[in-house]
Amino acid sequence: MNLEILTPEKKLFSGEVYGVQLPGITGLFEVLDKHAPLVSALKSGRVKVLKDKSNHLAYYEIQSGFVEVLGNKTTVLVEGATTVG
């Protein structure tokens, strides 16, 4: 699936990934390939990007925001974010 992580200032990540784990306002949830359409609010926390099936990972600390999943594309819109590790 295609993933984009965007802040008002810049595009933090864009590319094909296996999945992404997000800090929803009611708890962590994961979006994988061919996920059903979804719009959800996010709280401050850590986003875990699963780059492929062999556990290549990337982490981002985010401020609050939203995620939209539509047509095998996931777009994460956040107030601010930094790369971790």
N, C-alpha and C. Protein backbone atom coordinates (compact mmCIF):
# COMPACT_ATOMS: atom_id res chain seq x y z
N MET A 1 0.84 -1.18 0.00
CA MET A 1 0.00 0.00 0.00
C MET A 1 0.88 1.23 0.00
N ASN A 2 0.33 2.33 -0.44
CA ASN A 2 1.06 3.59 -0.48
C ASN A 2 0.79 4.36 0.81
N LEU A 3 1.83 4.92 1.41
CA LEU A 3 1.71 5.70 2.64
C LEU A 3 2.35 7.06 2.46
N GLU A 4 1.65 8.10 2.92
CA GLU A 4 2.22 9.44 2.99
C GLU A 4 2.00 9.97 4.40
N ILE A 5 3.06 10.55 4.99
CA ILE A 5 2.96 11.23 6.28
C ILE A 5 3.30 12.68 6.02
N LEU A 6 2.31 13.56 6.25
CA LEU A 6 2.44 14.98 5.90
C LEU A 6 2.24 15.87 7.11
N THR A 7 3.05 16.93 7.19
CA THR A 7 2.86 18.00 8.16
C THR A 7 2.58 19.27 7.35
N PRO A 8 2.15 20.35 7.98
CA PRO A 8 1.96 21.60 7.22
C PRO A 8 3.25 22.09 6.56
N GLU A 9 4.40 21.73 7.11
CA GLU A 9 5.68 22.21 6.60
C GLU A 9 6.30 21.34 5.52
N LYS A 10 6.09 19.99 5.62
CA LYS A 10 6.82 19.11 4.70
C LYS A 10 6.18 17.74 4.60
N LYS A 11 6.64 16.98 3.61
CA LYS A 11 6.29 15.57 3.47
C LYS A 11 7.36 14.77 4.20
N LEU A 12 6.96 14.08 5.25
CA LEU A 12 7.91 13.34 6.07
C LEU A 12 8.23 11.96 5.49
N PHE A 13 7.24 11.33 4.87
CA PHE A 13 7.44 10.00 4.30
C PHE A 13 6.48 9.82 3.14
N SER A 14 6.95 9.15 2.09
CA SER A 14 6.09 8.78 0.97
C SER A 14 6.67 7.53 0.33
N GLY A 15 5.86 6.49 0.22
CA GLY A 15 6.35 5.28 -0.42
C GLY A 15 5.45 4.08 -0.17
N GLU A 16 5.85 2.97 -0.76
CA GLU A 16 5.13 1.71 -0.60
C GLU A 16 5.56 1.04 0.71
N VAL A 17 4.58 0.58 1.49
CA VAL A 17 4.85 -0.08 2.77
C VAL A 17 3.96 -1.30 2.91
N TYR A 18 4.31 -2.15 3.88
CA TYR A 18 3.52 -3.32 4.20
C TYR A 18 2.36 -2.95 5.12
N GLY A 19 2.60 -2.00 6.04
CA GLY A 19 1.57 -1.59 6.97
C GLY A 19 2.05 -0.44 7.83
N VAL A 20 1.12 0.09 8.65
CA VAL A 20 1.46 1.19 9.54
C VAL A 20 0.62 1.06 10.82
N GLN A 21 1.26 1.30 11.97
CA GLN A 21 0.57 1.29 13.26
C GLN A 21 0.44 2.74 13.72
N LEU A 22 -0.77 3.12 14.15
CA LEU A 22 -1.08 4.52 14.44
C LEU A 22 -1.69 4.68 15.84
N PRO A 23 -1.43 5.83 16.50
CA PRO A 23 -2.01 6.08 17.82
C PRO A 23 -3.39 6.76 17.71
N GLY A 24 -4.44 5.97 17.57
CA GLY A 24 -5.79 6.51 17.52
C GLY A 24 -6.20 7.10 18.86
N ILE A 25 -7.23 7.91 18.87
CA ILE A 25 -7.63 8.55 20.13
C ILE A 25 -8.18 7.55 21.14
N THR A 26 -8.60 6.36 20.69
CA THR A 26 -9.06 5.33 21.63
C THR A 26 -8.08 4.17 21.74
N GLY A 27 -6.90 4.29 21.14
CA GLY A 27 -5.89 3.24 21.23
C GLY A 27 -5.18 3.00 19.92
N LEU A 28 -4.14 2.18 19.98
CA LEU A 28 -3.36 1.86 18.79
C LEU A 28 -4.17 1.02 17.81
N PHE A 29 -3.97 1.24 16.52
CA PHE A 29 -4.55 0.38 15.50
C PHE A 29 -3.59 0.29 14.33
N GLU A 30 -3.80 -0.74 13.51
CA GLU A 30 -2.89 -1.00 12.40
C GLU A 30 -3.66 -1.03 11.08
N VAL A 31 -3.05 -0.48 10.05
CA VAL A 31 -3.60 -0.50 8.70
C VAL A 31 -2.65 -1.32 7.83
N LEU A 32 -3.21 -2.33 7.16
CA LEU A 32 -2.43 -3.19 6.28
C LEU A 32 -2.93 -3.06 4.84
N ASP A 33 -2.26 -3.75 3.93
CA ASP A 33 -2.61 -3.74 2.51
C ASP A 33 -4.09 -4.05 2.30
N LYS A 34 -4.75 -3.29 1.43
CA LYS A 34 -6.15 -3.47 1.05
C LYS A 34 -7.11 -3.30 2.22
N HIS A 35 -6.77 -2.41 3.15
CA HIS A 35 -7.64 -2.12 4.30
C HIS A 35 -8.92 -1.44 3.82
N ALA A 36 -10.00 -1.64 4.54
CA ALA A 36 -11.27 -0.97 4.23
C ALA A 36 -11.11 0.54 4.38
N PRO A 37 -11.90 1.33 3.67
CA PRO A 37 -11.83 2.79 3.82
C PRO A 37 -12.05 3.21 5.27
N LEU A 38 -11.32 4.27 5.67
CA LEU A 38 -11.33 4.67 7.08
C LEU A 38 -10.89 6.12 7.20
N VAL A 39 -11.50 6.84 8.12
CA VAL A 39 -11.02 8.16 8.54
C VAL A 39 -11.02 8.13 10.05
N SER A 40 -9.91 8.54 10.68
CA SER A 40 -9.82 8.49 12.13
C SER A 40 -8.96 9.64 12.65
N ALA A 41 -9.31 10.10 13.85
CA ALA A 41 -8.49 11.10 14.54
C ALA A 41 -7.32 10.40 15.22
N LEU A 42 -6.20 11.10 15.31
CA LEU A 42 -5.00 10.56 15.95
C LEU A 42 -4.62 11.45 17.13
N LYS A 43 -4.04 10.82 18.17
CA LYS A 43 -3.50 11.59 19.28
C LYS A 43 -1.98 11.58 19.19
N SER A 44 -1.34 12.36 20.02
CA SER A 44 0.13 12.38 20.05
C SER A 44 0.63 10.99 20.39
N GLY A 45 1.71 10.59 19.73
CA GLY A 45 2.28 9.27 19.99
C GLY A 45 3.23 8.86 18.90
N ARG A 46 3.48 7.56 18.83
CA ARG A 46 4.46 7.02 17.89
C ARG A 46 3.77 6.28 16.75
N VAL A 47 4.18 6.58 15.53
CA VAL A 47 3.74 5.86 14.34
C VAL A 47 4.83 4.87 13.98
N LYS A 48 4.44 3.61 13.78
CA LYS A 48 5.39 2.58 13.38
C LYS A 48 5.09 2.19 11.94
N VAL A 49 6.05 2.38 11.04
CA VAL A 49 5.89 2.05 9.63
C VAL A 49 6.60 0.72 9.37
N LEU A 50 5.83 -0.28 8.89
CA LEU A 50 6.38 -1.58 8.53
C LEU A 50 6.71 -1.51 7.04
N LYS A 51 7.98 -1.30 6.73
CA LYS A 51 8.37 -1.07 5.33
C LYS A 51 8.24 -2.30 4.46
N ASP A 52 8.39 -3.50 5.05
CA ASP A 52 8.20 -4.74 4.29
C ASP A 52 7.95 -5.89 5.26
N LYS A 53 7.71 -7.08 4.72
CA LYS A 53 7.37 -8.24 5.55
C LYS A 53 8.54 -8.73 6.41
N SER A 54 9.75 -8.29 6.12
CA SER A 54 10.91 -8.75 6.89
C SER A 54 11.27 -7.78 8.02
N ASN A 55 10.28 -7.07 8.50
CA ASN A 55 10.39 -6.22 9.69
C ASN A 55 11.37 -5.06 9.59
N HIS A 56 11.54 -4.45 8.42
CA HIS A 56 12.27 -3.20 8.32
C HIS A 56 11.32 -2.10 8.77
N LEU A 57 11.68 -1.40 9.84
CA LEU A 57 10.77 -0.46 10.48
C LEU A 57 11.29 0.97 10.45
N ALA A 58 10.36 1.92 10.52
CA ALA A 58 10.69 3.33 10.73
C ALA A 58 9.70 3.86 11.75
N TYR A 59 10.16 4.77 12.61
CA TYR A 59 9.30 5.32 13.65
C TYR A 59 9.25 6.85 13.53
N TYR A 60 8.07 7.40 13.83
CA TYR A 60 7.87 8.85 13.84
C TYR A 60 7.06 9.22 15.08
N GLU A 61 7.50 10.25 15.78
CA GLU A 61 6.72 10.81 16.89
C GLU A 61 5.83 11.90 16.29
N ILE A 62 4.53 11.79 16.52
CA ILE A 62 3.60 12.75 15.91
C ILE A 62 2.84 13.54 16.97
N GLN A 63 2.35 14.69 16.56
CA GLN A 63 1.38 15.44 17.33
C GLN A 63 0.01 14.97 16.83
N SER A 64 -1.05 15.53 17.32
CA SER A 64 -2.38 15.09 16.92
C SER A 64 -2.61 15.32 15.42
N GLY A 65 -3.56 14.58 14.87
CA GLY A 65 -3.86 14.72 13.46
C GLY A 65 -4.96 13.78 13.02
N PHE A 66 -4.93 13.41 11.75
CA PHE A 66 -5.95 12.53 11.17
C PHE A 66 -5.29 11.57 10.20
N VAL A 67 -5.97 10.43 9.96
CA VAL A 67 -5.54 9.47 8.95
C VAL A 67 -6.73 9.18 8.05
N GLU A 68 -6.45 9.04 6.75
CA GLU A 68 -7.46 8.63 5.78
C GLU A 68 -6.92 7.43 5.03
N VAL A 69 -7.74 6.37 4.94
CA VAL A 69 -7.39 5.19 4.15
C VAL A 69 -8.44 5.08 3.06
N LEU A 70 -7.98 5.10 1.80
CA LEU A 70 -8.90 5.03 0.67
C LEU A 70 -8.17 4.49 -0.54
N GLY A 71 -8.71 3.43 -1.13
CA GLY A 71 -8.13 2.88 -2.36
C GLY A 71 -6.70 2.41 -2.20
N ASN A 72 -6.38 1.72 -1.12
CA ASN A 72 -5.04 1.20 -0.82
C ASN A 72 -3.99 2.30 -0.69
N LYS A 73 -4.44 3.51 -0.34
CA LYS A 73 -3.54 4.62 -0.04
C LYS A 73 -3.88 5.14 1.36
N THR A 74 -2.86 5.31 2.19
CA THR A 74 -3.04 5.82 3.54
C THR A 74 -2.34 7.16 3.64
N THR A 75 -3.10 8.19 4.04
CA THR A 75 -2.56 9.53 4.19
C THR A 75 -2.68 9.94 5.64
N VAL A 76 -1.54 10.27 6.26
CA VAL A 76 -1.50 10.72 7.65
C VAL A 76 -1.19 12.20 7.66
N LEU A 77 -2.11 13.00 8.19
CA LEU A 77 -1.96 14.45 8.26
C LEU A 77 -1.80 14.83 9.73
N VAL A 78 -0.65 15.39 10.09
CA VAL A 78 -0.38 15.70 11.50
C VAL A 78 0.16 17.12 11.66
N GLU A 79 -0.04 17.68 12.85
CA GLU A 79 0.43 19.03 13.15
C GLU A 79 1.95 19.11 13.15
N GLY A 80 2.59 18.11 13.67
CA GLY A 80 4.05 18.09 13.71
C GLY A 80 4.53 16.68 13.88
N ALA A 81 5.73 16.39 13.41
CA ALA A 81 6.28 15.03 13.52
C ALA A 81 7.80 15.07 13.43
N THR A 82 8.43 14.11 14.08
CA THR A 82 9.87 13.95 13.99
C THR A 82 10.20 12.48 13.78
N THR A 83 11.30 12.23 13.10
CA THR A 83 11.78 10.87 12.90
C THR A 83 12.45 10.41 14.18
N VAL A 84 12.18 9.16 14.56
CA VAL A 84 12.77 8.58 15.77
C VAL A 84 13.68 7.44 15.35
N GLY A 85 14.90 7.42 15.87
CA GLY A 85 15.84 6.33 15.60
C GLY A 85 16.26 6.32 14.22
